Protein backbone atom coordinates (compact mmCIF):
# COMPACT_ATOMS: atom_id res chain seq x y z
CA UNK A 1 0.00 0.00 0.00
CA UNK A 2 1.33 3.45 -0.93
CA UNK A 3 1.64 5.98 1.89
CA UNK A 4 -0.84 8.21 0.04
CA UNK A 5 -3.53 5.53 0.50
CA UNK A 6 -3.57 6.05 4.25
CA UNK A 7 -3.27 9.78 4.86
CA UNK A 8 -4.67 11.34 8.06
CA UNK A 9 -8.16 12.81 8.00
CA UNK A 10 -8.16 16.60 7.65
CA UNK A 11 -10.57 19.53 7.67
CA UNK A 12 -8.66 21.43 5.01
CA UNK A 13 -7.90 20.46 1.42
CA UNK A 14 -5.75 17.39 0.69
CA UNK A 15 -5.01 16.92 -3.01
CA UNK A 16 -3.05 14.03 -4.53
CA UNK A 17 -0.69 14.45 -7.48
CA UNK A 18 -1.46 18.16 -7.57
CA UNK A 19 0.45 20.28 -10.16
CA UNK A 20 2.40 23.00 -8.37
CA UNK A 21 3.17 25.28 -11.31
CA UNK A 22 -0.03 27.33 -10.83
CA UNK A 23 1.04 28.03 -7.25
CA UNK A 24 4.33 29.68 -8.30
CA UNK A 25 5.12 32.97 -10.00
CA UNK A 26 7.19 31.23 -12.68
CA UNK A 27 4.17 29.02 -13.49
CA UNK A 28 6.37 25.95 -13.97
CA UNK A 29 7.09 22.67 -12.24
CA UNK A 30 5.75 19.22 -11.58
CA UNK A 31 3.20 17.89 -9.13
CA UNK A 32 3.31 17.31 -5.40
CA UNK A 33 2.71 13.73 -4.33
CA UNK A 34 0.21 15.38 -1.99
CA UNK A 35 -0.67 19.03 -1.40
CA UNK A 36 -2.22 19.95 1.94
CA UNK A 37 -3.89 23.31 2.55
CA UNK A 38 -4.80 23.13 6.25
CA UNK A 39 -7.94 24.74 7.65
CA UNK A 40 -6.06 26.19 10.63
CA UNK A 41 -3.10 25.54 12.94
CA UNK A 42 -4.91 22.78 14.82
CA UNK A 43 -5.66 20.98 11.56
CA UNK A 44 -2.01 21.23 10.54
CA UNK A 45 -0.73 20.06 13.94
CA UNK A 46 -3.00 17.00 13.94
CA UNK A 47 -1.97 16.13 10.38
CA UNK A 48 1.76 16.37 11.14
CA UNK A 49 1.41 14.26 14.28
CA UNK A 50 -0.42 11.52 12.39
CA UNK A 51 1.72 11.59 9.23
CA UNK A 52 4.38 8.83 9.17
CA UNK A 53 7.76 10.28 10.09
CA UNK A 54 9.44 9.02 6.92
CA UNK A 55 7.16 11.08 4.64
CA UNK A 56 8.96 14.28 3.58
CA UNK A 57 7.20 17.59 4.28
CA UNK A 58 7.88 20.81 2.36
CA UNK A 59 6.26 24.15 3.15
CA UNK A 60 5.67 26.78 0.46
CA UNK A 61 4.16 30.24 0.52
CA UNK A 62 2.90 32.24 -2.45
CA UNK A 63 5.68 30.87 -4.67
CA UNK A 64 7.19 34.26 -5.49
CA UNK A 65 10.80 33.17 -4.95
CA UNK A 66 10.52 29.49 -5.84
CA UNK A 67 11.35 27.03 -8.59
CA UNK A 68 9.47 23.73 -8.45
CA UNK A 69 11.44 21.30 -10.56
CA UNK A 70 9.73 19.44 -13.38
CA UNK A 71 9.89 16.06 -11.62
CA UNK A 72 7.58 17.25 -8.87
CA UNK A 73 7.99 17.17 -5.11
CA UNK A 74 8.21 14.03 -3.03
CA UNK A 75 5.97 13.68 0.01
CA UNK A 76 3.56 16.33 1.26
CA UNK A 77 3.70 19.99 0.31
CA UNK A 78 2.06 22.30 2.87
CA UNK A 79 0.62 25.59 1.67
CA UNK A 80 -0.88 28.09 4.10
CA UNK A 81 -3.53 29.80 2.00
CA UNK A 82 -6.76 31.50 2.88
CA UNK A 83 -8.05 34.20 5.20
CA UNK A 84 -7.29 32.31 8.41
CA UNK A 85 -3.56 32.30 7.58
CA UNK A 86 -3.36 35.94 6.53
CA UNK A 87 -4.69 37.80 9.55
CA UNK A 88 -2.84 40.99 10.54
CA UNK A 89 -3.57 42.82 13.81
CA UNK A 90 -1.99 45.83 15.49
CA UNK A 91 -1.82 47.08 19.06
CA UNK A 92 0.27 50.03 20.13
CA UNK A 93 3.57 49.70 18.27
CA UNK A 94 3.16 45.93 17.78
CA UNK A 95 2.09 44.09 14.62
CA UNK A 96 1.06 40.43 14.63
CA UNK A 97 0.80 38.65 11.28
CA UNK A 98 -0.11 35.17 10.14
CA UNK A 99 2.52 33.33 8.13
CA UNK A 100 0.28 33.39 5.07
CA UNK A 101 -0.11 37.18 5.08
CA UNK A 102 1.47 38.94 2.13
CA UNK A 103 4.42 41.11 3.15
CA UNK A 104 2.77 44.07 1.40
CA UNK A 105 -0.41 43.57 3.47
CA UNK A 106 1.64 43.78 6.65
CA UNK A 107 3.25 47.01 5.47
CA UNK A 108 -0.13 48.56 4.67
CA UNK A 109 -1.70 47.45 7.96
CA UNK A 110 1.25 48.97 9.81
CA UNK A 111 0.81 52.26 7.96
CA UNK A 112 -2.90 52.39 8.76
CA UNK A 113 -2.07 51.91 12.46
CA UNK A 114 0.67 54.57 12.42
CA UNK A 115 3.52 52.10 12.95
CA UNK A 116 6.79 52.81 11.16
CA UNK A 117 9.62 50.40 10.43
CA UNK A 118 7.87 47.78 8.31
CA UNK A 119 7.56 49.87 5.14
CA UNK A 120 10.22 47.77 3.40
CA UNK A 121 7.83 44.83 3.32
CA UNK A 122 5.92 46.70 0.60
CA UNK A 123 8.84 45.93 -1.71
CA UNK A 124 8.92 42.17 -1.07
CA UNK A 125 6.50 40.01 -3.11
CA UNK A 126 6.31 37.09 -0.68
CA UNK A 127 4.52 36.13 2.50
CA UNK A 128 5.54 36.29 6.15
CA UNK A 129 6.48 32.62 6.41
CA UNK A 130 9.12 33.08 3.75
CA UNK A 131 10.26 36.37 5.24
CA UNK A 132 10.93 34.62 8.55
CA UNK A 133 12.79 31.78 6.87
CA UNK A 134 15.19 33.93 4.85
CA UNK A 135 15.39 37.21 6.78
CA UNK A 136 13.75 38.93 3.84
CA UNK A 137 14.60 42.55 3.26
CA UNK A 138 15.12 45.31 0.72
CA UNK A 139 16.05 48.98 0.48
CA UNK A 140 18.30 48.85 3.53
CA UNK A 141 16.01 47.06 6.00
CA UNK A 142 15.56 43.40 6.96
CA UNK A 143 13.17 41.23 8.93
CA UNK A 144 15.65 41.06 11.83
CA UNK A 145 15.30 44.82 12.33
CA UNK A 146 11.66 44.61 13.43
CA UNK A 147 10.92 41.01 14.43
CA UNK A 148 10.18 40.29 18.10
CA UNK A 149 9.25 36.60 18.00
CA UNK A 150 7.47 33.93 16.00
CA UNK A 151 5.94 30.54 16.53
CA UNK A 152 5.36 27.52 14.36
CA UNK A 153 5.00 23.75 14.27
CA UNK A 154 7.83 21.28 13.86
CA UNK A 155 7.66 18.08 11.81
CA UNK A 156 6.08 16.28 14.79
CA UNK A 157 3.30 18.87 15.03
CA UNK A 158 4.67 20.37 18.24
CA UNK A 159 4.50 24.10 18.92
CA UNK A 160 7.88 25.87 18.83
CA UNK A 161 8.35 29.50 19.88
CA UNK A 162 11.44 31.52 18.98
CA UNK A 163 12.56 34.98 20.02
CA UNK A 164 14.52 37.14 17.59
CA UNK A 165 17.86 36.06 19.05
CA UNK A 166 17.00 32.40 18.45
CA UNK A 167 16.93 32.91 14.68
CA UNK A 168 20.62 33.78 14.44
CA UNK A 169 19.84 35.92 11.43
CA UNK A 170 22.45 36.86 8.86
CA UNK A 171 22.01 38.10 5.28
CA UNK A 172 19.16 36.05 3.75
CA UNK A 173 19.73 33.26 6.24
CA UNK A 174 18.29 31.93 9.49
CA UNK A 175 19.64 29.35 11.91
CA UNK A 176 16.14 28.34 13.01
CA UNK A 177 15.35 24.61 12.61
CA UNK A 178 14.51 23.95 8.98
CA UNK A 179 11.53 21.75 9.77
CA UNK A 180 9.48 24.52 11.40
CA UNK A 181 6.35 25.58 9.53
CA UNK A 182 5.77 29.16 10.67
CA UNK A 183 2.31 30.08 11.88
CA UNK A 184 2.56 33.64 13.23
CA UNK A 185 5.07 36.44 13.77
CA UNK A 186 5.13 39.47 16.07
CA UNK A 187 6.90 42.70 15.09
CA UNK A 188 7.60 45.97 16.84
CA UNK A 189 7.88 49.29 15.03
CA UNK A 190 7.83 52.89 16.15
CA UNK A 191 4.92 55.35 16.26
CA UNK A 192 4.57 57.71 13.32
CA UNK A 193 1.86 59.56 11.45
CA UNK A 194 -0.09 57.13 9.23
CA UNK A 195 0.18 59.45 6.24
CA UNK A 196 3.98 59.63 6.62
CA UNK A 197 4.29 55.83 6.72
CA UNK A 198 1.92 55.50 3.76
CA UNK A 199 3.97 58.02 1.77
CA UNK A 200 7.15 55.98 2.28
CA UNK A 201 5.31 52.83 1.20
CA UNK A 202 4.15 54.63 -1.96
CA UNK A 203 7.75 55.58 -2.73
CA UNK A 204 8.89 51.96 -2.35
CA UNK A 205 6.01 50.67 -4.47
CA UNK A 206 6.68 53.18 -7.25
CA UNK A 207 10.40 52.42 -7.21
CA UNK A 208 9.72 48.70 -7.44
CA UNK A 209 7.30 49.12 -10.35
CA UNK A 210 9.86 51.16 -12.29
CA UNK A 211 12.85 48.89 -11.67
CA UNK A 212 11.51 45.32 -11.43
CA UNK A 213 9.57 43.14 -13.91
CA UNK A 214 6.71 42.59 -11.48
CA UNK A 215 4.14 41.86 -14.21
CA UNK A 216 6.21 39.05 -15.73
CA UNK A 217 6.41 35.38 -14.76
CA UNK A 218 9.41 35.79 -12.48
CA UNK A 219 10.93 34.57 -9.24
CA UNK A 220 12.16 37.81 -7.72
CA UNK A 221 15.84 38.25 -6.93
CA UNK A 222 17.70 35.27 -8.38
CA UNK A 223 21.01 35.55 -6.55
CA UNK A 224 22.07 36.88 -3.18
CA UNK A 225 24.44 39.83 -3.24
CA UNK A 226 28.00 38.57 -2.67
CA UNK A 227 29.89 40.56 -0.07
CA UNK A 228 31.11 43.75 -1.66
CA UNK A 229 29.17 43.20 -4.89
CA UNK A 230 25.73 43.65 -6.42
CA UNK A 231 24.43 40.57 -8.20
CA UNK A 232 22.64 42.58 -10.87
CA UNK A 233 25.86 44.34 -11.81
CA UNK A 234 27.75 41.05 -12.09
CA UNK A 235 25.04 39.53 -14.28
CA UNK A 236 24.82 42.68 -16.38
CA UNK A 237 28.57 43.03 -16.87
CA UNK A 238 28.79 39.36 -17.87
CA UNK A 239 26.39 40.15 -20.72
CA UNK A 240 23.28 38.29 -19.59
CA UNK A 241 20.75 41.13 -19.34
CA UNK A 242 17.86 40.25 -21.65
CA UNK A 243 19.72 37.28 -23.17
CA UNK A 244 17.52 34.29 -24.04
CA UNK A 245 18.94 30.92 -23.01
CA UNK A 246 17.19 27.98 -24.69
CA UNK A 247 17.85 24.58 -23.16
CA UNK A 248 15.12 22.10 -23.95
CA UNK A 249 13.09 23.91 -26.57
CA UNK A 250 11.62 26.46 -24.18
CA UNK A 251 13.48 29.52 -23.01
CA UNK A 252 14.19 31.73 -20.04
CA UNK A 253 16.13 34.94 -19.68
CA UNK A 254 17.27 37.64 -17.31
CA UNK A 255 15.06 40.69 -17.46
CA UNK A 256 16.02 43.75 -19.48
CA UNK A 257 14.59 45.85 -16.65
CA UNK A 258 16.48 44.21 -13.76
CA UNK A 259 19.33 41.84 -14.51
CA UNK A 260 19.02 39.89 -11.25
CA UNK A 261 15.45 38.84 -12.14
CA UNK A 262 14.92 35.77 -14.31
CA UNK A 263 11.70 35.65 -16.27
CA UNK A 264 9.72 33.01 -18.10
CA UNK A 265 8.73 34.88 -21.27
CA UNK A 266 6.72 32.02 -22.72
CA UNK A 267 6.80 28.29 -22.26
CA UNK A 268 10.04 27.75 -20.35
CA UNK A 269 10.29 24.71 -18.10
CA UNK A 270 11.72 24.62 -14.62
CA UNK A 271 14.79 22.94 -16.14
CA UNK A 272 15.20 25.85 -18.56
CA UNK A 273 15.04 28.38 -15.76
CA UNK A 274 17.39 26.57 -13.40
CA UNK A 275 19.85 25.84 -16.21
CA UNK A 276 19.95 29.53 -17.08
CA UNK A 277 20.76 30.38 -13.49
CA UNK A 278 23.54 27.79 -13.37
CA UNK A 279 24.96 28.99 -16.69
CA UNK A 280 25.13 32.55 -15.41
CA UNK A 281 26.71 31.46 -12.13
CA UNK A 282 29.43 29.60 -14.03
CA UNK A 283 30.01 32.47 -16.44
CA UNK A 284 30.24 35.12 -13.73
CA UNK A 285 32.65 32.95 -11.73
CA UNK A 286 34.85 32.41 -14.78
CA UNK A 287 34.90 36.10 -15.69
CA UNK A 288 35.16 37.68 -12.25
CA UNK A 289 36.11 35.02 -9.73
CA UNK A 290 32.95 35.89 -7.76
CA UNK A 291 30.61 33.06 -6.74
CA UNK A 292 26.91 33.85 -7.04
CA UNK A 293 24.64 31.93 -4.68
CA UNK A 294 20.96 31.30 -5.32
CA UNK A 295 18.39 33.36 -3.45
CA UNK A 296 15.55 31.60 -5.26
CA UNK A 297 14.57 28.40 -3.48
CA UNK A 298 14.59 25.29 -5.68
CA UNK A 299 12.69 22.17 -4.62
CA UNK A 300 11.75 18.80 -6.06
CA UNK A 301 13.03 16.15 -8.43
CA UNK A 302 14.82 17.17 -11.62
């Protein structure tokens, strides 16, 4: 009997052999053996506790910085989607957000409450779960600058609470246990006039629209910035801005607008997109001696 024949009962959605491409911004990739969209934290905890320990579990958010490989993803993919996962509340100078809340929603809720410090989230196209995992940031600010604490569930379905210091944050990296599926985060900003916070958010939004291909099938920033360098400059100087790289009959390229953003201009596969990234990494290393490291998360079987 296959493990998928005896999955725990759930109140949310449990879909077998579910294509994951529609859940990512690149719109590519294979299917999950099983995709679980839990009804709430209790539903998720019960599922994890009952799921055999040898079944792999992978959590995804809105898929804005993700490549799902064409061979699909082994085990269960957890996606926190729906109103229950995206709640944002404010009290005083504190913001509490569900892991499924869009970063931009958190920025706007903070502005409405007159809380400054989270404006940078308006420039990040992901959700809070991903922001916690990778210390997401832009325009000179990072998650570590405003986070107070967060809680989630480990692979055994047990509640785990971490304070900021427990994350051990560095640039686009956290030392938190990799098996934690984040449920909620608490932030602290500083009081400010709502209109002033909203104005800064508008500036960030306008800047992003002018400099990033946000209406394309993209995955956000492809590479982390190496120390002392900007990835977009390295990609640009190596001659890859706007250059189409065909691999298996499809095609992917780095954007003409922002040379650290890969885009799927048509019918590229996940293999096309990942191969382009690897080709650019090798070329930049050969030309400059600088190693580019992926910021985009890549999951699944090739």
